[in-house]
């Protein structure tokens, strides 16, 4: 994984940030499911 410059690579940076946020939400849902919790 590389860092992106939010100024020089704004579009790519925003896309990657959105993807990371979605993956974090998915990770949280998997963790909750594994622990038997509801969202």
Foldseek 3Di string as FASTA:
>chain_A
DDDDDCVVPVVVNVVVVVVVVVVVVVVVCVVCVVVVHDD
